[in-house]
Protein backbone atom coordinates (compact mmCIF):
# COMPACT_ATOMS: atom_id res chain seq x y z
CA UNK A 1 3.40 24.77 -2.87
CA UNK A 2 3.90 21.20 -1.62
CA UNK A 3 7.57 20.18 -1.53
CA UNK A 4 8.82 17.10 -3.38
CA UNK A 5 9.75 15.46 -0.05
CA UNK A 6 6.29 16.04 1.44
CA UNK A 7 4.25 14.90 -1.59
CA UNK A 8 4.95 11.13 -1.26
CA UNK A 9 4.09 11.25 2.46
CA UNK A 10 0.75 12.89 1.65
CA UNK A 11 0.04 10.20 -0.95
CA UNK A 12 0.65 7.45 1.63
CA UNK A 13 -1.46 9.22 4.28
CA UNK A 14 -4.29 9.53 1.73
CA UNK A 15 -3.95 5.79 1.07
CA UNK A 16 -4.08 5.15 4.82
CA UNK A 17 -7.30 7.16 5.11
CA UNK A 18 -8.97 5.32 2.22
CA UNK A 19 -7.83 1.91 3.45
CA UNK A 20 -8.60 2.41 7.13
CA UNK A 21 -12.07 3.75 6.40
CA UNK A 22 -12.80 0.75 4.16
CA UNK A 23 -12.19 -2.03 6.70
CA UNK A 24 -15.43 -1.36 8.65
CA UNK A 25 -17.26 -0.89 5.34
CA UNK A 26 -16.08 -4.33 4.21
CA UNK A 27 -17.31 -5.87 7.48
CA UNK A 28 -20.69 -4.22 6.88
CA UNK A 29 -20.78 -5.64 3.33
CA UNK A 30 -20.25 -9.16 4.72
CA UNK A 31 -23.81 -9.05 6.02
CA UNK A 32 -25.03 -9.57 2.47
CA UNK A 33 -22.10 -11.15 0.62
CA UNK A 34 -20.12 -14.37 1.19
CA UNK A 35 -16.44 -13.66 2.02
CA UNK A 36 -14.65 -14.98 -1.09
CA UNK A 37 -17.30 -13.47 -3.35
CA UNK A 38 -16.80 -10.17 -1.53
CA UNK A 39 -13.06 -10.32 -2.26
CA UNK A 40 -13.75 -10.94 -5.95
CA UNK A 41 -16.20 -8.03 -6.27
CA UNK A 42 -13.80 -5.69 -4.43
CA UNK A 43 -11.02 -6.41 -6.89
CA UNK A 44 -13.25 -6.41 -9.96
CA UNK A 45 -14.30 -2.96 -8.77
CA UNK A 46 -10.68 -1.93 -8.33
CA UNK A 47 -9.41 -3.20 -11.69
CA UNK A 48 -12.57 -2.32 -13.59
CA UNK A 49 -12.66 1.19 -12.15
CA UNK A 50 -9.09 1.84 -13.27
CA UNK A 51 -9.83 0.37 -16.72
CA UNK A 52 -12.75 2.78 -17.17
CA UNK A 53 -10.64 5.70 -16.01
CA UNK A 54 -7.82 4.81 -18.43
CA UNK A 55 -10.35 4.56 -21.27
CA UNK A 56 -11.69 8.00 -20.31
CA UNK A 57 -8.17 9.44 -20.43
CA UNK A 58 -7.55 7.82 -23.81
CA UNK A 59 -10.78 9.17 -25.29
CA UNK A 60 -9.94 12.64 -23.98
CA UNK A 61 -6.51 12.44 -25.58
CA UNK A 62 -4.68 12.72 -22.24
CA UNK A 63 -1.11 11.46 -22.64
CA UNK A 64 0.31 9.04 -20.07
CA UNK A 65 3.23 10.52 -18.10
CA UNK A 66 4.38 7.18 -16.69
CA UNK A 67 6.26 4.40 -18.50
CA UNK A 68 4.09 1.33 -19.18
CA UNK A 69 4.63 -2.13 -17.74
CA UNK A 70 7.06 -4.28 -19.71
CA UNK A 71 7.96 -7.96 -19.89
CA UNK A 72 10.23 -7.81 -16.85
CA UNK A 73 7.31 -6.39 -14.83
CA UNK A 74 5.14 -9.49 -15.29
CA UNK A 75 6.47 -11.69 -12.43
CA UNK A 76 6.31 -8.76 -9.99
CA UNK A 77 2.72 -7.94 -10.99
CA UNK A 78 1.74 -11.60 -10.55
CA UNK A 79 3.51 -11.81 -7.19
CA UNK A 80 1.90 -8.60 -5.92
CA UNK A 81 -1.51 -9.75 -7.18
CA UNK A 82 -1.30 -13.22 -5.66
CA UNK A 83 -0.01 -12.22 -2.22
CA UNK A 84 -1.54 -8.75 -1.88
CA UNK A 85 -4.92 -9.35 -3.51
CA UNK A 86 -5.82 -13.06 -3.67
CA UNK A 87 -4.29 -14.38 -0.41
CA UNK A 88 -4.50 -11.19 1.66
CA UNK A 89 -8.03 -10.15 0.77
CA UNK A 90 -9.39 -13.69 1.06
CA UNK A 91 -7.83 -14.01 4.51
CA UNK A 92 -9.14 -10.58 5.52
CA UNK A 93 -12.74 -11.15 4.45
CA UNK A 94 -12.81 -14.52 6.24
CA UNK A 95 -11.31 -12.99 9.41
CA UNK A 96 -13.67 -10.00 9.49
CA UNK A 97 -16.53 -12.35 10.34
CA UNK A 98 -15.13 -13.03 13.84
CA UNK A 99 -13.49 -9.76 14.98
CA UNK A 100 -14.99 -6.35 15.70
CA UNK A 101 -14.47 -3.50 13.26
CA UNK A 102 -12.13 -1.57 15.57
CA UNK A 103 -10.08 -4.67 16.44
CA UNK A 104 -9.62 -5.35 12.73
CA UNK A 105 -8.63 -1.74 12.09
CA UNK A 106 -5.98 -1.77 14.82
CA UNK A 107 -4.61 -5.16 13.81
CA UNK A 108 -4.20 -3.97 10.23
CA UNK A 109 -1.60 -1.47 11.48
CA UNK A 110 0.68 -4.50 11.89
CA UNK A 111 1.14 -4.26 8.13
CA UNK A 112 3.74 -1.55 8.83
CA UNK A 113 5.80 -4.02 10.87
CA UNK A 114 5.30 -6.86 8.39
CA UNK A 115 6.32 -4.65 5.47
CA UNK A 116 9.50 -3.50 7.23
CA UNK A 117 10.45 -7.08 8.18
CA UNK A 118 9.89 -8.41 4.66
CA UNK A 119 11.78 -5.45 3.15
CA UNK A 120 14.70 -6.14 5.49
CA UNK A 121 14.79 -9.90 4.82
CA UNK A 122 14.03 -9.85 1.07
CA UNK A 123 15.50 -6.54 -0.12
CA UNK A 124 18.06 -5.83 2.60
CA UNK A 125 16.49 -2.40 3.13
CA UNK A 126 18.00 -0.58 6.06
CA UNK A 127 15.72 1.18 8.53
CA UNK A 128 17.38 3.16 11.30
CA UNK A 129 16.68 2.96 15.05
CA UNK A 130 13.93 5.59 14.83
CA UNK A 131 11.97 3.57 12.28
CA UNK A 132 12.28 0.35 14.31
CA UNK A 133 11.33 2.20 17.52
CA UNK A 134 8.24 3.55 15.79
CA UNK A 135 7.34 0.10 14.50
CA UNK A 136 7.84 -1.28 18.01
CA UNK A 137 5.33 1.25 19.35
CA UNK A 138 2.79 0.22 16.71
CA UNK A 139 3.33 -3.48 17.52
CA UNK A 140 2.82 -2.89 21.25
CA UNK A 141 -0.36 -0.98 20.50
CA UNK A 142 -1.69 -3.97 18.52
CA UNK A 143 -0.74 -6.46 21.25
CA UNK A 144 -2.32 -4.30 23.94
CA UNK A 145 -5.63 -4.15 22.16
CA UNK A 146 -6.08 -7.71 20.90
CA UNK A 147 -4.30 -9.92 23.46
CA UNK A 148 -6.60 -12.79 24.44
CA UNK A 149 -5.03 -14.93 27.21
CA UNK A 150 -7.98 -17.34 27.07
CA UNK A 151 -6.96 -18.44 23.55
CA UNK A 152 -4.13 -20.91 22.97
CA UNK A 153 -2.36 -18.53 20.57
CA UNK A 154 -2.97 -15.51 22.79
CA UNK A 155 -5.33 -14.12 20.16
CA UNK A 156 -8.40 -15.26 18.29
CA UNK A 157 -8.35 -17.14 14.98
CA UNK A 158 -9.76 -14.05 13.30
CA UNK A 159 -6.96 -11.89 14.71
CA UNK A 160 -4.37 -14.44 13.57
CA UNK A 161 -5.93 -14.33 10.10
CA UNK A 162 -5.56 -10.55 9.93
CA UNK A 163 -1.89 -10.79 10.98
CA UNK A 164 -1.41 -13.31 8.13
CA UNK A 165 -3.11 -10.77 5.85
CA UNK A 166 -0.56 -8.15 6.92
CA UNK A 167 2.34 -10.49 6.16
CA UNK A 168 0.91 -11.08 2.67
CA UNK A 169 0.66 -7.33 2.14
CA UNK A 170 4.28 -7.01 3.24
CA UNK A 171 5.30 -9.37 0.42
CA UNK A 172 3.00 -7.44 -1.93
CA UNK A 173 4.75 -4.16 -1.09
CA UNK A 174 8.22 -5.61 -1.72
CA UNK A 175 7.03 -6.96 -5.10
CA UNK A 176 5.41 -3.63 -5.95
CA UNK A 177 8.63 -1.80 -5.15
CA UNK A 178 10.23 -3.48 -8.18
CA UNK A 179 7.70 -1.88 -10.51
CA UNK A 180 6.96 1.33 -8.58
CA UNK A 181 8.49 3.45 -11.34
CA UNK A 182 5.94 2.11 -13.86
CA UNK A 183 2.47 3.43 -14.57
CA UNK A 184 0.48 2.96 -11.32
CA UNK A 185 -2.83 2.99 -13.23
CA UNK A 186 -1.74 -0.08 -15.18
CA UNK A 187 -0.48 -1.83 -12.04
CA UNK A 188 -3.76 -1.31 -10.18
CA UNK A 189 -5.84 -2.31 -13.22
CA UNK A 190 -4.04 -5.60 -13.93
CA UNK A 191 -3.68 -6.46 -10.26
CA UNK A 192 -7.40 -5.93 -9.64
CA UNK A 193 -8.58 -7.86 -12.69
CA UNK A 194 -6.20 -10.77 -11.98
CA UNK A 195 -7.31 -11.02 -8.35
CA UNK A 196 -10.97 -10.61 -9.28
CA UNK A 197 -10.85 -13.51 -11.76
CA UNK A 198 -8.98 -15.85 -9.37
CA UNK A 199 -11.16 -15.16 -6.30
CA UNK A 200 -14.37 -15.36 -8.35
CA UNK A 201 -13.27 -18.76 -9.65
CA UNK A 202 -12.64 -19.91 -6.07
CA UNK A 203 -16.05 -18.65 -4.96
CA UNK A 204 -17.70 -20.63 -7.76
CA UNK A 205 -15.73 -23.79 -6.92
CA UNK A 206 -16.89 -23.69 -3.28
CA UNK A 207 -20.41 -22.71 -4.45
CA UNK A 208 -20.86 -19.47 -2.51
CA UNK A 209 -24.22 -17.75 -3.18
CA UNK A 210 -24.25 -14.81 -5.57
CA UNK A 211 -25.13 -11.49 -3.90
CA UNK A 212 -27.97 -9.13 -4.67
CA UNK A 213 -27.25 -6.01 -6.75
CA UNK A 214 -27.28 -3.51 -3.86
CA UNK A 215 -24.55 -5.11 -1.68
CA UNK A 216 -22.51 -5.91 -4.81
CA UNK A 217 -22.46 -2.23 -5.83
CA UNK A 218 -21.33 -1.25 -2.32
CA UNK A 219 -18.52 -3.84 -2.48
CA UNK A 220 -17.43 -2.56 -5.90
CA UNK A 221 -17.26 1.00 -4.55
CA UNK A 222 -15.10 -0.27 -1.68
CA UNK A 223 -12.79 -1.79 -4.29
CA UNK A 224 -12.62 1.38 -6.37
CA UNK A 225 -11.70 3.54 -3.38
CA UNK A 226 -10.32 1.59 -0.46
CA UNK A 227 -9.06 -1.98 -1.05
CA UNK A 228 -7.44 -1.31 -4.40
CA UNK A 229 -8.24 1.37 -6.94
CA UNK A 230 -7.54 4.88 -5.68
CA UNK A 231 -5.95 3.64 -2.44
CA UNK A 232 -3.39 1.47 -4.24
CA UNK A 233 -2.67 4.26 -6.74
CA UNK A 234 -1.82 6.66 -3.87
CA UNK A 235 0.18 3.94 -2.09
CA UNK A 236 2.31 3.23 -5.17
CA UNK A 237 2.95 6.94 -5.74
CA UNK A 238 4.36 7.16 -2.23
CA UNK A 239 6.21 3.84 -2.39
CA UNK A 240 8.41 4.87 -5.31
CA UNK A 241 9.91 7.72 -3.26
CA UNK A 242 9.87 6.34 0.29
CA UNK A 243 10.73 2.63 -0.01
CA UNK A 244 8.76 -0.25 1.57
CA UNK A 245 9.69 0.22 5.25
CA UNK A 246 8.90 3.92 5.48
CA UNK A 247 5.83 3.65 3.27
CA UNK A 248 4.49 0.86 5.46
CA UNK A 249 5.28 2.87 8.57
CA UNK A 250 3.35 5.94 7.47
CA UNK A 251 0.57 3.68 6.23
CA UNK A 252 0.36 2.33 9.79
CA UNK A 253 -1.79 5.33 10.78
CA UNK A 254 -4.76 3.74 8.96
CA UNK A 255 -6.35 2.23 12.15
CA UNK A 256 -7.19 5.73 13.37
CA UNK A 257 -9.55 6.19 10.43
CA UNK A 258 -10.85 2.64 10.75
CA UNK A 259 -11.74 3.09 14.41
CA UNK A 260 -13.55 6.37 13.70
CA UNK A 261 -15.53 4.75 10.87
CA UNK A 262 -16.25 1.70 13.06
CA UNK A 263 -17.65 3.96 15.78
CA UNK A 264 -19.89 5.67 13.24
CA UNK A 265 -21.19 2.45 11.65
CA UNK A 266 -21.25 -0.13 14.47
CA UNK A 267 -21.14 2.00 17.62
CA UNK A 268 -18.33 -0.28 18.87
CA UNK A 269 -16.79 1.73 21.69
CA UNK A 270 -13.29 0.51 22.66
CA UNK A 271 -12.49 -0.03 26.33
CA UNK A 272 -10.16 2.11 28.42
CA UNK A 273 -7.19 0.05 27.23
CA UNK A 274 -7.56 1.88 23.93
CA UNK A 275 -6.15 5.07 25.49
CA UNK A 276 -2.59 3.81 26.17
CA UNK A 277 -2.65 1.85 22.88
CA UNK A 278 -3.59 5.00 20.97
CA UNK A 279 -0.80 6.83 22.80
CA UNK A 280 1.73 4.22 21.65
CA UNK A 281 0.51 4.47 18.08
CA UNK A 282 0.67 8.28 18.03
CA UNK A 283 4.15 8.13 19.55
CA UNK A 284 5.28 5.85 16.73
CA UNK A 285 3.83 8.18 14.13
CA UNK A 286 5.52 11.21 15.72
CA UNK A 287 8.89 9.41 15.67
CA UNK A 288 8.45 8.61 11.98
CA UNK A 289 7.61 12.19 11.08
CA UNK A 290 10.91 13.38 12.57
CA UNK A 291 13.09 10.64 11.03
CA UNK A 292 15.90 11.76 8.71
CA UNK A 293 18.48 9.75 6.79
CA UNK A 294 21.60 11.29 5.25
CA UNK A 295 25.11 10.01 4.51
CA UNK A 296 27.69 9.85 1.75
CA UNK A 297 26.51 7.32 -0.84
CA UNK A 298 27.24 6.23 -4.38
CA UNK A 299 25.03 5.94 -7.45
CA UNK A 300 26.33 3.35 -9.89
CA UNK A 301 25.82 3.94 -13.64
CA UNK A 302 22.33 2.89 -14.67
CA UNK A 303 19.90 3.09 -17.59
CA UNK A 304 16.14 3.05 -17.00
CA UNK A 305 12.93 4.96 -17.72
CA UNK A 306 10.50 6.54 -15.29
CA UNK A 307 8.74 9.82 -14.64
CA UNK A 308 11.30 12.43 -13.54
CA UNK A 309 12.41 16.03 -13.76
CA UNK A 310 15.80 17.73 -13.83
CA UNK A 311 15.68 19.54 -10.49
CA UNK A 312 16.28 16.68 -8.04
CA UNK A 313 20.08 16.41 -8.26
CA UNK A 314 20.00 13.00 -9.97
CA UNK A 315 18.85 13.77 -13.50
CA UNK A 316 21.33 15.94 -15.38
CA UNK A 317 21.26 14.18 -18.75
CA UNK A 318 20.81 16.31 -21.88
CA UNK A 319 18.16 16.02 -24.57
CA UNK A 320 17.47 18.35 -27.50
CA UNK A 321 14.94 21.07 -26.76
CA UNK A 322 11.44 20.25 -27.96
CA UNK A 323 12.02 16.53 -28.48
CA UNK A 324 10.11 15.46 -25.34
CA UNK A 325 6.62 16.30 -24.01
CA UNK A 326 7.61 18.05 -20.77
CA UNK A 327 4.72 18.93 -18.46
CA UNK A 328 4.23 22.34 -16.83
CA UNK A 329 5.86 21.07 -13.62
CA UNK A 330 8.90 19.75 -15.52
CA UNK A 331 8.04 16.04 -15.34
CA UNK A 332 8.52 13.79 -18.36
CA UNK A 333 9.29 10.15 -19.19
CA UNK A 334 11.94 8.57 -21.41
CA UNK A 335 14.84 6.11 -21.33
CA UNK A 336 17.81 7.88 -19.76
CA UNK A 337 21.18 7.10 -18.19
CA UNK A 338 22.77 7.94 -14.85
CA UNK A 339 26.48 8.54 -14.52
CA UNK A 340 28.60 7.33 -11.61
CA UNK A 341 27.98 9.79 -8.77
CA UNK A 342 29.07 10.12 -5.14
CA UNK A 343 27.37 12.71 -2.94
CA UNK A 344 25.56 13.26 0.36
CA UNK A 345 22.03 14.47 0.96
CA UNK A 346 18.91 13.48 2.86
CA UNK A 347 17.16 10.60 1.09
CA UNK A 348 14.84 7.61 1.38
CA UNK A 349 15.05 4.15 -0.28
CA UNK A 350 13.42 5.31 -3.51
CA UNK A 351 14.26 3.86 -6.93
CA UNK A 352 17.55 5.77 -6.96
CA UNK A 353 18.66 4.97 -3.41
CA UNK A 354 18.73 1.20 -2.95
CA UNK A 355 22.39 1.11 -1.96
CA UNK A 356 23.86 -1.02 0.81
CA UNK A 357 24.74 0.46 4.20
CA UNK A 358 27.74 -0.32 6.35
CA UNK A 359 27.66 -0.18 10.12
């Protein structure tokens, strides 16, 4: 039986696997598809795949366990779509033309650092010394592998573009945190369709050639699994319980899968410098896995709706027996209230623990 504290970590690690494996696949797809067109097909695949899956669930009579998006969700969905899908994916597909598959995979681990920085600046999320030490290890690993002293910036234009991509994804994650308690299938569907329409319009404006059917199908599959779709679904499931900084940190393992896939596809063998860089990355991951956060904290009264169950110490509200569809594992969704509560336990910055910290 997987514990409730382990489940969100597994979701994020699954997202890291899907995402990391997809970066070399996207570079391979660039051989037959122009970059902006590739971005549009990836996100049409992501949003369209989720739309088909939701239709399948509806036709089968499967009830949704998650609360739907509402009016207040709209600006956060647009923000996440614009930064995380339109800007980030466009920058990534353009950058993949000039960097190797394994360099791109390693650089994408900088998303963990970007996410933590944005979460700290925008949301005031506190990450302890262990988290920042782990992020420092990941950053050093990136610098070690992609430093180019012969370039004016110390790295290539393609590498700089991928770092910009990571910063956009950091903003995306902070926007997504605001709606993480909502139905992740809806979030992925609308985000993918919005980004697909915008990037396709851009590709038509700049007159990129349309791809053949074969490469387009491959790109759509990448969207369904790795650069949206299933990957984003798993990421959001972890984000709601872990908060942006920790989610981004665990997600930082994705280069391992990207490098393995790059070796399989392109036979790009990293130099010896990869050994100490990999050691730094694994050290950062090990530090994260042993990080704990516990202190006396207060929950202010609140009213909201999200998927929950009554065994987590935060949901003790009553409701008449038989009035709600409660699943076999105890999860259900409805509008409920939280009373004022002060207690201490180990926690992460999930939707119930976004309190301030004093030094």
